[in-house]
Amino acid sequence: MTSPATPKSARSTRSSDKAEPAASYESALDELETLVAQLENGQLPLDQLLGHYQRGAELLAFCRARLDAVEHQIKVLEDGEPKPWDGQ
């Protein structure tokens, strides 16, 4: 008698339910590029596909927020009013 097959949960990226926030813009971008490549491959099971998509949306929002913060800081500097940037 064979035991029932258990689904493999090995994932090469952090697409778990409680994914860690990205450490930096660059690491978020690297992880996002990896996720996109895996999604485009089309070989993921449905549950992993959804998890990767959700993580990608989180990473995209993080990257956009970081870029917006940098853009805002540049505008402040261009107006001659340098202010410390807290990175948030």
C-alpha atoms as a PDB file:
ATOM      1  CA  MET A   1       0.000   0.000   0.000  1.00  0.00           C
ATOM      2  CA  THR A   2       1.367   3.400  -0.913  1.00  0.00           C
ATOM      3  CA  SER A   3       1.052   6.529   1.147  1.00  0.00           C
ATOM      4  CA  PRO A   4      -0.854   9.461  -0.296  1.00  0.00           C
ATOM      5  CA  ALA A   5       1.239  11.952  -2.194  1.00  0.00           C
ATOM      6  CA  THR A   6       2.076  15.053  -0.268  1.00  0.00           C
ATOM      7  CA  PRO A   7       2.415  18.305  -2.148  1.00  0.00           C
ATOM      8  CA  LYS A   8       5.880  19.755  -2.319  1.00  0.00           C
ATOM      9  CA  SER A   9       6.153  23.096  -0.621  1.00  0.00           C
ATOM     10  CA  ALA A  10       9.726  23.833  -1.587  1.00  0.00           C
ATOM     11  CA  ARG A  11       9.864  27.360  -2.858  1.00  0.00           C
ATOM     12  CA  SER A  12      12.917  29.186  -4.082  1.00  0.00           C
ATOM     13  CA  THR A  13      11.469  32.563  -3.119  1.00  0.00           C
ATOM     14  CA  ARG A  14       9.817  33.950  -0.038  1.00  0.00           C
ATOM     15  CA  SER A  15       6.181  33.658  -1.071  1.00  0.00           C
ATOM     16  CA  SER A  16       4.777  32.335   2.176  1.00  0.00           C
ATOM     17  CA  ASP A  17       1.691  33.627   3.942  1.00  0.00           C
ATOM     18  CA  LYS A  18       3.808  35.741   6.285  1.00  0.00           C
ATOM     19  CA  ALA A  19       6.478  36.976   3.896  1.00  0.00           C
ATOM     20  CA  GLU A  20       9.215  39.150   5.271  1.00  0.00           C
ATOM     21  CA  PRO A  21       9.368  42.753   4.146  1.00  0.00           C
ATOM     22  CA  ALA A  22      12.114  43.456   1.671  1.00  0.00           C
ATOM     23  CA  ALA A  23      15.440  44.545   3.168  1.00  0.00           C
ATOM     24  CA  SER A  24      16.115  47.083   0.424  1.00  0.00           C
ATOM     25  CA  TYR A  25      14.859  48.318  -2.902  1.00  0.00           C
ATOM     26  CA  GLU A  26      17.503  46.272  -4.672  1.00  0.00           C
ATOM     27  CA  SER A  27      16.647  43.032  -2.873  1.00  0.00           C
ATOM     28  CA  ALA A  28      12.939  43.615  -3.526  1.00  0.00           C
ATOM     29  CA  LEU A  29      13.652  44.182  -7.207  1.00  0.00           C
ATOM     30  CA  ASP A  30      15.777  41.024  -7.419  1.00  0.00           C
ATOM     31  CA  GLU A  31      13.054  38.947  -5.758  1.00  0.00           C
ATOM     32  CA  LEU A  32      10.394  40.512  -7.986  1.00  0.00           C
ATOM     33  CA  GLU A  33      12.378  39.654 -11.116  1.00  0.00           C
ATOM     34  CA  THR A  34      12.692  36.047  -9.923  1.00  0.00           C
ATOM     35  CA  LEU A  35       8.957  35.824  -9.250  1.00  0.00           C
ATOM     36  CA  VAL A  36       8.094  37.254 -12.657  1.00  0.00           C
ATOM     37  CA  ALA A  37      10.358  34.727 -14.373  1.00  0.00           C
ATOM     38  CA  GLN A  38       8.679  31.889 -12.477  1.00  0.00           C
ATOM     39  CA  LEU A  39       5.210  33.219 -13.297  1.00  0.00           C
ATOM     40  CA  GLU A  40       6.075  33.613 -16.968  1.00  0.00           C
ATOM     41  CA  ASN A  41       7.401  30.052 -17.051  1.00  0.00           C
ATOM     42  CA  GLY A  42       3.841  28.822 -16.532  1.00  0.00           C
ATOM     43  CA  GLN A  43       4.843  25.666 -14.677  1.00  0.00           C
ATOM     44  CA  LEU A  44       3.699  26.575 -11.143  1.00  0.00           C
ATOM     45  CA  PRO A  45       0.808  24.829  -9.418  1.00  0.00           C
ATOM     46  CA  LEU A  46      -2.206  27.073  -8.829  1.00  0.00           C
ATOM     47  CA  ASP A  47      -1.582  27.618  -5.095  1.00  0.00           C
ATOM     48  CA  GLN A  48       2.024  28.650  -5.703  1.00  0.00           C
ATOM     49  CA  LEU A  49       0.950  30.823  -8.622  1.00  0.00           C
ATOM     50  CA  LEU A  50      -1.394  32.787  -6.378  1.00  0.00           C
ATOM     51  CA  GLY A  51       1.219  33.085  -3.622  1.00  0.00           C
ATOM     52  CA  HIS A  52       3.855  34.316  -6.066  1.00  0.00           C
ATOM     53  CA  TYR A  53       1.411  36.835  -7.514  1.00  0.00           C
ATOM     54  CA  GLN A  54       0.534  38.164  -4.048  1.00  0.00           C
ATOM     55  CA  ARG A  55       4.190  38.452  -3.051  1.00  0.00           C
ATOM     56  CA  GLY A  56       4.935  40.203  -6.326  1.00  0.00           C
ATOM     57  CA  ALA A  57       2.186  42.741  -5.638  1.00  0.00           C
ATOM     58  CA  GLU A  58       3.679  43.388  -2.173  1.00  0.00           C
ATOM     59  CA  LEU A  59       7.152  43.849  -3.615  1.00  0.00           C
ATOM     60  CA  LEU A  60       5.864  46.139  -6.341  1.00  0.00           C
ATOM     61  CA  ALA A  61       4.110  48.330  -3.769  1.00  0.00           C
ATOM     62  CA  PHE A  62       7.312  48.439  -1.687  1.00  0.00           C
ATOM     63  CA  CYS A  63       9.421  49.456  -4.701  1.00  0.00           C
ATOM     64  CA  ARG A  64       6.948  52.134  -5.746  1.00  0.00           C
ATOM     65  CA  ALA A  65       6.879  53.575  -2.222  1.00  0.00           C
ATOM     66  CA  ARG A  66      10.686  53.700  -2.101  1.00  0.00           C
ATOM     67  CA  LEU A  67      10.867  55.400  -5.483  1.00  0.00           C
ATOM     68  CA  ASP A  68       8.215  57.927  -4.444  1.00  0.00           C
ATOM     69  CA  ALA A  69      10.193  58.716  -1.276  1.00  0.00           C
ATOM     70  CA  VAL A  70      13.388  59.242  -3.258  1.00  0.00           C
ATOM     71  CA  GLU A  71      11.568  61.404  -5.804  1.00  0.00           C
ATOM     72  CA  HIS A  72      10.139  63.524  -2.985  1.00  0.00           C
ATOM     73  CA  GLN A  73      13.587  63.935  -1.408  1.00  0.00           C
ATOM     74  CA  ILE A  74      15.050  65.021  -4.753  1.00  0.00           C
ATOM     75  CA  LYS A  75      12.317  67.654  -5.102  1.00  0.00           C
ATOM     76  CA  VAL A  76      13.117  68.937  -1.606  1.00  0.00           C
ATOM     77  CA  LEU A  77      16.813  69.145  -2.446  1.00  0.00           C
ATOM     78  CA  GLU A  78      16.126  70.911  -5.748  1.00  0.00           C
ATOM     79  CA  ASP A  79      14.103  73.583  -3.940  1.00  0.00           C
ATOM     80  CA  GLY A  80      17.128  74.386  -1.800  1.00  0.00           C
ATOM     81  CA  GLU A  81      15.559  73.022   1.371  1.00  0.00           C
ATOM     82  CA  PRO A  82      17.523  69.917   2.244  1.00  0.00           C
ATOM     83  CA  LYS A  83      15.841  67.885   4.948  1.00  0.00           C
ATOM     84  CA  PRO A  84      16.999  64.607   6.469  1.00  0.00           C
ATOM     85  CA  TRP A  85      15.492  61.602   4.739  1.00  0.00           C
ATOM     86  CA  ASP A  86      14.200  58.915   7.067  1.00  0.00           C
ATOM     87  CA  GLY A  87      13.819  56.333   4.308  1.00  0.00           C
ATOM     88  CA  GLN A  88      10.124  55.806   4.946  1.00  0.00           C
END
